[in-house]
């Protein structure tokens, strides 16, 4: 796979504006709030608010958050802001079926790659190497212990990853740094052409 092409394809003014909206959402989410995984409420989506596509609910907010929910919420709300600010179709006109499939892949249902497998097939993201990740990219990683985590990248340096998500160590929404796991999948959100 030619990763140089992927990086260059993601470098456009529209994609930079989308990235800015996504990072704005992350910056605006209230820190803490409790981390609930596994969630005692089987219907809660780990988000701070319901995620809607028109009148259809994709995820329902619950009492606490967990990683897949908060990272998908950050992406979703960033796209909503971008679509509103620039009068473009939300996620390029995503259908309800596509939105539900995107949510399932983001939550690693049937895949280990999470956000990568959620965004690349519908043209909403491009894969990037972990070493090339930049703030606003999303990653799904699997630690040697077998525990996975869905995060928004803040930076990668010296074989460490700084990220925004929700986790026990921050009692919910917050940022932290840890060694970069060997099994890490990174995707850069893009505006479909």
C-alpha atoms as a PDB file:
ATOM      1  CA  UNK A   1       0.000   0.000   0.000  1.00  0.00           C
ATOM      2  CA  UNK A   2       1.408   3.390  -1.001  1.00  0.00           C
ATOM      3  CA  UNK A   3       0.964   5.389   2.206  1.00  0.00           C
ATOM      4  CA  UNK A   4       2.424   8.575   0.638  1.00  0.00           C
ATOM      5  CA  UNK A   5      -0.603   8.748  -1.664  1.00  0.00           C
ATOM      6  CA  UNK A   6      -2.947   8.309   1.301  1.00  0.00           C
ATOM      7  CA  UNK A   7      -1.358  11.182   3.230  1.00  0.00           C
ATOM      8  CA  UNK A   8      -1.413  13.455   0.187  1.00  0.00           C
ATOM      9  CA  UNK A   9      -5.033  12.557  -0.615  1.00  0.00           C
ATOM     10  CA  UNK A  10      -6.056  13.632   2.865  1.00  0.00           C
ATOM     11  CA  UNK A  11      -4.305  17.019   2.662  1.00  0.00           C
ATOM     12  CA  UNK A  12      -6.981  19.359   1.252  1.00  0.00           C
ATOM     13  CA  UNK A  13      -8.534  22.562   2.616  1.00  0.00           C
ATOM     14  CA  UNK A  14     -11.916  20.816   3.071  1.00  0.00           C
ATOM     15  CA  UNK A  15     -10.325  17.979   5.029  1.00  0.00           C
ATOM     16  CA  UNK A  16      -8.409  20.455   7.197  1.00  0.00           C
ATOM     17  CA  UNK A  17     -11.674  22.279   7.970  1.00  0.00           C
ATOM     18  CA  UNK A  18     -13.380  18.988   8.868  1.00  0.00           C
ATOM     19  CA  UNK A  19     -10.427  18.077  11.098  1.00  0.00           C
ATOM     20  CA  UNK A  20     -10.738  21.448  12.837  1.00  0.00           C
ATOM     21  CA  UNK A  21     -14.447  20.885  13.571  1.00  0.00           C
ATOM     22  CA  UNK A  22     -13.723  17.401  14.947  1.00  0.00           C
ATOM     23  CA  UNK A  23     -11.005  18.753  17.253  1.00  0.00           C
ATOM     24  CA  UNK A  24     -13.334  21.578  18.347  1.00  0.00           C
ATOM     25  CA  UNK A  25     -15.920  19.008  19.432  1.00  0.00           C
ATOM     26  CA  UNK A  26     -13.303  17.078  21.410  1.00  0.00           C
ATOM     27  CA  UNK A  27     -12.171  20.286  23.086  1.00  0.00           C
ATOM     28  CA  UNK A  28     -15.734  21.174  24.025  1.00  0.00           C
ATOM     29  CA  UNK A  29     -16.759  17.887  25.653  1.00  0.00           C
ATOM     30  CA  UNK A  30     -16.950  18.072  29.450  1.00  0.00           C
ATOM     31  CA  UNK A  31     -14.087  16.196  31.062  1.00  0.00           C
ATOM     32  CA  UNK A  32     -14.707  13.322  33.473  1.00  0.00           C
ATOM     33  CA  UNK A  33     -18.332  12.279  33.789  1.00  0.00           C
ATOM     34  CA  UNK A  34     -17.653   8.632  34.538  1.00  0.00           C
ATOM     35  CA  UNK A  35     -16.439   5.706  32.487  1.00  0.00           C
ATOM     36  CA  UNK A  36     -18.802   2.741  32.126  1.00  0.00           C
ATOM     37  CA  UNK A  37     -17.415  -0.312  30.416  1.00  0.00           C
ATOM     38  CA  UNK A  38     -18.970  -2.707  30.223  1.00  0.00           C
ATOM     39  CA  UNK A  39     -22.097  -0.600  30.354  1.00  0.00           C
ATOM     40  CA  UNK A  40     -24.863  -1.869  32.648  1.00  0.00           C
ATOM     41  CA  UNK A  41     -27.356  -0.342  30.185  1.00  0.00           C
ATOM     42  CA  UNK A  42     -27.245  -2.567  27.094  1.00  0.00           C
ATOM     43  CA  UNK A  43     -28.996   0.111  25.032  1.00  0.00           C
ATOM     44  CA  UNK A  44     -26.655   2.991  25.895  1.00  0.00           C
ATOM     45  CA  UNK A  45     -24.107   3.902  23.237  1.00  0.00           C
ATOM     46  CA  UNK A  46     -21.400   5.385  25.453  1.00  0.00           C
ATOM     47  CA  UNK A  47     -22.087   8.926  24.209  1.00  0.00           C
ATOM     48  CA  UNK A  48     -22.903  12.178  26.015  1.00  0.00           C
ATOM     49  CA  UNK A  49     -25.873  12.798  23.723  1.00  0.00           C
ATOM     50  CA  UNK A  50     -27.956  10.844  21.252  1.00  0.00           C
ATOM     51  CA  UNK A  51     -26.481  10.537  17.767  1.00  0.00           C
ATOM     52  CA  UNK A  52     -29.170  11.126  15.180  1.00  0.00           C
ATOM     53  CA  UNK A  53     -29.411  10.837  11.421  1.00  0.00           C
ATOM     54  CA  UNK A  54     -32.463  12.929  10.659  1.00  0.00           C
ATOM     55  CA  UNK A  55     -35.180  11.482  12.900  1.00  0.00           C
ATOM     56  CA  UNK A  56     -33.427   8.120  13.331  1.00  0.00           C
ATOM     57  CA  UNK A  57     -31.354   7.478  16.442  1.00  0.00           C
ATOM     58  CA  UNK A  58     -28.047   5.759  15.740  1.00  0.00           C
ATOM     59  CA  UNK A  59     -26.857   5.752  19.370  1.00  0.00           C
ATOM     60  CA  UNK A  60     -28.557   6.592  22.651  1.00  0.00           C
ATOM     61  CA  UNK A  61     -26.731   8.486  25.388  1.00  0.00           C
ATOM     62  CA  UNK A  62     -26.436   6.807  28.767  1.00  0.00           C
ATOM     63  CA  UNK A  63     -25.274   7.582  32.301  1.00  0.00           C
ATOM     64  CA  UNK A  64     -21.563   7.270  31.511  1.00  0.00           C
ATOM     65  CA  UNK A  65     -19.314   7.003  28.504  1.00  0.00           C
ATOM     66  CA  UNK A  66     -17.038   4.449  26.893  1.00  0.00           C
ATOM     67  CA  UNK A  67     -14.387   4.815  24.233  1.00  0.00           C
ATOM     68  CA  UNK A  68     -16.165   3.803  21.016  1.00  0.00           C
ATOM     69  CA  UNK A  69     -19.162   5.970  21.850  1.00  0.00           C
ATOM     70  CA  UNK A  70     -17.218   9.129  22.657  1.00  0.00           C
ATOM     71  CA  UNK A  71     -14.895   8.876  19.676  1.00  0.00           C
ATOM     72  CA  UNK A  72     -17.787   8.236  17.288  1.00  0.00           C
ATOM     73  CA  UNK A  73     -19.673  11.140  18.887  1.00  0.00           C
ATOM     74  CA  UNK A  74     -16.647  13.394  18.345  1.00  0.00           C
ATOM     75  CA  UNK A  75     -16.457  12.410  14.672  1.00  0.00           C
ATOM     76  CA  UNK A  76     -20.259  12.632  14.204  1.00  0.00           C
ATOM     77  CA  UNK A  77     -20.675  16.040  15.826  1.00  0.00           C
ATOM     78  CA  UNK A  78     -17.603  17.355  14.007  1.00  0.00           C
ATOM     79  CA  UNK A  79     -19.214  16.323  10.725  1.00  0.00           C
ATOM     80  CA  UNK A  80     -22.511  17.950  11.755  1.00  0.00           C
ATOM     81  CA  UNK A  81     -20.698  21.241  12.415  1.00  0.00           C
ATOM     82  CA  UNK A  82     -18.779  21.001   9.136  1.00  0.00           C
ATOM     83  CA  UNK A  83     -21.951  20.224   7.130  1.00  0.00           C
ATOM     84  CA  UNK A  84     -23.785  23.151   8.725  1.00  0.00           C
ATOM     85  CA  UNK A  85     -20.918  25.643   8.345  1.00  0.00           C
ATOM     86  CA  UNK A  86     -20.291  24.820   4.675  1.00  0.00           C
ATOM     87  CA  UNK A  87     -23.792  23.806   3.535  1.00  0.00           C
ATOM     88  CA  UNK A  88     -22.746  20.342   2.401  1.00  0.00           C
ATOM     89  CA  UNK A  89     -24.543  17.019   2.886  1.00  0.00           C
ATOM     90  CA  UNK A  90     -23.795  15.362   6.237  1.00  0.00           C
ATOM     91  CA  UNK A  91     -21.109  12.736   5.626  1.00  0.00           C
ATOM     92  CA  UNK A  92     -21.620  13.142   1.885  1.00  0.00           C
ATOM     93  CA  UNK A  93     -25.289  12.124   2.112  1.00  0.00           C
ATOM     94  CA  UNK A  94     -24.840   8.944   4.149  1.00  0.00           C
ATOM     95  CA  UNK A  95     -27.890   6.672   4.238  1.00  0.00           C
ATOM     96  CA  UNK A  96     -29.408   5.159   7.376  1.00  0.00           C
ATOM     97  CA  UNK A  97     -28.095   1.698   6.454  1.00  0.00           C
ATOM     98  CA  UNK A  98     -24.603   3.120   5.867  1.00  0.00           C
ATOM     99  CA  UNK A  99     -24.724   5.009   9.183  1.00  0.00           C
ATOM    100  CA  UNK A 100     -25.681   1.864  11.077  1.00  0.00           C
ATOM    101  CA  UNK A 101     -22.885  -0.096   9.368  1.00  0.00           C
ATOM    102  CA  UNK A 102     -20.428   2.695  10.163  1.00  0.00           C
ATOM    103  CA  UNK A 103     -21.450   2.516  13.851  1.00  0.00           C
ATOM    104  CA  UNK A 104     -21.059  -1.280  13.970  1.00  0.00           C
ATOM    105  CA  UNK A 105     -17.580  -1.167  12.427  1.00  0.00           C
ATOM    106  CA  UNK A 106     -16.529   1.724  14.721  1.00  0.00           C
ATOM    107  CA  UNK A 107     -17.528  -0.466  17.687  1.00  0.00           C
ATOM    108  CA  UNK A 108     -15.380  -3.329  16.305  1.00  0.00           C
ATOM    109  CA  UNK A 109     -18.358  -5.539  15.546  1.00  0.00           C
ATOM    110  CA  UNK A 110     -16.967  -7.948  12.970  1.00  0.00           C
ATOM    111  CA  UNK A 111     -13.600  -6.167  12.732  1.00  0.00           C
ATOM    112  CA  UNK A 112     -10.567  -5.318  14.862  1.00  0.00           C
ATOM    113  CA  UNK A 113      -9.852  -2.090  12.976  1.00  0.00           C
ATOM    114  CA  UNK A 114     -12.721   0.019  14.370  1.00  0.00           C
ATOM    115  CA  UNK A 115     -12.818   3.553  12.943  1.00  0.00           C
ATOM    116  CA  UNK A 116     -10.581   2.547  10.029  1.00  0.00           C
ATOM    117  CA  UNK A 117     -13.097  -0.034   8.774  1.00  0.00           C
ATOM    118  CA  UNK A 118     -15.936   2.372   9.565  1.00  0.00           C
ATOM    119  CA  UNK A 119     -14.630   5.292   7.504  1.00  0.00           C
ATOM    120  CA  UNK A 120     -12.630   3.914   4.577  1.00  0.00           C
ATOM    121  CA  UNK A 121     -15.362   1.880   2.783  1.00  0.00           C
ATOM    122  CA  UNK A 122     -17.841   4.792   2.495  1.00  0.00           C
ATOM    123  CA  UNK A 123     -15.049   7.189   1.441  1.00  0.00           C
ATOM    124  CA  UNK A 124     -15.053   9.127   4.726  1.00  0.00           C
ATOM    125  CA  UNK A 125     -11.454   8.342   5.680  1.00  0.00           C
ATOM    126  CA  UNK A 126      -8.031   7.215   4.509  1.00  0.00           C
ATOM    127  CA  UNK A 127      -5.657   4.891   6.307  1.00  0.00           C
ATOM    128  CA  UNK A 128      -2.425   6.374   7.633  1.00  0.00           C
ATOM    129  CA  UNK A 129       0.506   4.713   9.365  1.00  0.00           C
ATOM    130  CA  UNK A 130       0.586   5.216  13.118  1.00  0.00           C
ATOM    131  CA  UNK A 131       3.915   7.058  12.790  1.00  0.00           C
ATOM    132  CA  UNK A 132       2.192   9.559  10.457  1.00  0.00           C
ATOM    133  CA  UNK A 133      -0.861  10.137  12.672  1.00  0.00           C
ATOM    134  CA  UNK A 134      -1.723  13.725  13.477  1.00  0.00           C
ATOM    135  CA  UNK A 135      -4.194  15.432  15.813  1.00  0.00           C
ATOM    136  CA  UNK A 136      -7.788  14.674  14.789  1.00  0.00           C
ATOM    137  CA  UNK A 137      -7.060  11.243  13.316  1.00  0.00           C
ATOM    138  CA  UNK A 138      -8.809   8.278  14.922  1.00  0.00           C
ATOM    139  CA  UNK A 139      -7.184   5.051  16.052  1.00  0.00           C
ATOM    140  CA  UNK A 140      -8.233   1.648  17.282  1.00  0.00           C
ATOM    141  CA  UNK A 141      -5.485  -0.149  19.112  1.00  0.00           C
ATOM    142  CA  UNK A 142      -5.104  -3.424  20.918  1.00  0.00           C
ATOM    143  CA  UNK A 143      -2.733  -3.696  23.851  1.00  0.00           C
ATOM    144  CA  UNK A 144      -0.663  -6.836  24.471  1.00  0.00           C
ATOM    145  CA  UNK A 145      -3.156  -7.672  27.247  1.00  0.00           C
ATOM    146  CA  UNK A 146      -5.879  -7.996  24.591  1.00  0.00           C
ATOM    147  CA  UNK A 147      -7.734  -4.857  25.719  1.00  0.00           C
ATOM    148  CA  UNK A 148      -8.738  -2.566  22.863  1.00  0.00           C
ATOM    149  CA  UNK A 149      -9.246   1.192  22.881  1.00  0.00           C
ATOM    150  CA  UNK A 150     -10.850   3.667  20.467  1.00  0.00           C
ATOM    151  CA  UNK A 151      -9.177   7.104  20.540  1.00  0.00           C
ATOM    152  CA  UNK A 152      -8.769  10.428  18.764  1.00  0.00           C
ATOM    153  CA  UNK A 153      -5.059  11.005  18.242  1.00  0.00           C
ATOM    154  CA  UNK A 154      -3.438  14.073  19.782  1.00  0.00           C
ATOM    155  CA  UNK A 155       0.083  13.072  18.803  1.00  0.00           C
ATOM    156  CA  UNK A 156       2.520  10.207  18.236  1.00  0.00           C
ATOM    157  CA  UNK A 157       6.175  10.598  19.207  1.00  0.00           C
ATOM    158  CA  UNK A 158       8.972   8.403  20.519  1.00  0.00           C
ATOM    159  CA  UNK A 159       6.807   5.284  20.210  1.00  0.00           C
ATOM    160  CA  UNK A 160       4.121   6.796  22.460  1.00  0.00           C
ATOM    161  CA  UNK A 161       0.578   7.904  21.613  1.00  0.00           C
ATOM    162  CA  UNK A 162      -1.219  10.826  23.228  1.00  0.00           C
ATOM    163  CA  UNK A 163      -4.943  10.678  22.779  1.00  0.00           C
ATOM    164  CA  UNK A 164      -8.423  11.901  23.666  1.00  0.00           C
ATOM    165  CA  UNK A 165     -11.077   9.364  24.617  1.00  0.00           C
ATOM    166  CA  UNK A 166     -12.817   8.140  27.726  1.00  0.00           C
ATOM    167  CA  UNK A 167     -11.155   5.698  30.106  1.00  0.00           C
ATOM    168  CA  UNK A 168     -10.895   4.714  33.754  1.00  0.00           C
ATOM    169  CA  UNK A 169      -7.644   6.631  34.267  1.00  0.00           C
ATOM    170  CA  UNK A 170      -9.431   9.948  33.558  1.00  0.00           C
ATOM    171  CA  UNK A 171     -12.765   8.889  35.155  1.00  0.00           C
ATOM    172  CA  UNK A 172     -14.447   9.409  31.817  1.00  0.00           C
ATOM    173  CA  UNK A 173     -13.628  11.878  29.070  1.00  0.00           C
ATOM    174  CA  UNK A 174     -10.043  13.097  29.029  1.00  0.00           C
ATOM    175  CA  UNK A 175      -6.602  12.842  27.524  1.00  0.00           C
ATOM    176  CA  UNK A 176      -3.680  10.600  28.354  1.00  0.00           C
ATOM    177  CA  UNK A 177      -0.488   9.098  26.909  1.00  0.00           C
ATOM    178  CA  UNK A 178       0.770   5.531  26.777  1.00  0.00           C
ATOM    179  CA  UNK A 179       3.186   3.352  24.786  1.00  0.00           C
ATOM    180  CA  UNK A 180       2.044   2.888  21.179  1.00  0.00           C
ATOM    181  CA  UNK A 181       0.688  -0.665  20.865  1.00  0.00           C
ATOM    182  CA  UNK A 182       2.027  -2.795  18.003  1.00  0.00           C
ATOM    183  CA  UNK A 183      -1.514  -3.412  16.729  1.00  0.00           C
ATOM    184  CA  UNK A 184      -2.727   0.109  15.974  1.00  0.00           C
ATOM    185  CA  UNK A 185      -5.018   1.122  13.104  1.00  0.00           C
ATOM    186  CA  UNK A 186      -5.251   4.822  12.204  1.00  0.00           C
ATOM    187  CA  UNK A 187      -7.669   6.624   9.919  1.00  0.00           C
ATOM    188  CA  UNK A 188      -7.763  10.271   8.860  1.00  0.00           C
ATOM    189  CA  UNK A 189     -11.296  11.596   8.274  1.00  0.00           C
ATOM    190  CA  UNK A 190     -11.875  13.118   4.831  1.00  0.00           C
ATOM    191  CA  UNK A 191     -14.660  14.859   2.969  1.00  0.00           C
ATOM    192  CA  UNK A 192     -15.834  12.508   0.200  1.00  0.00           C
ATOM    193  CA  UNK A 193     -15.179  13.751  -3.321  1.00  0.00           C
END
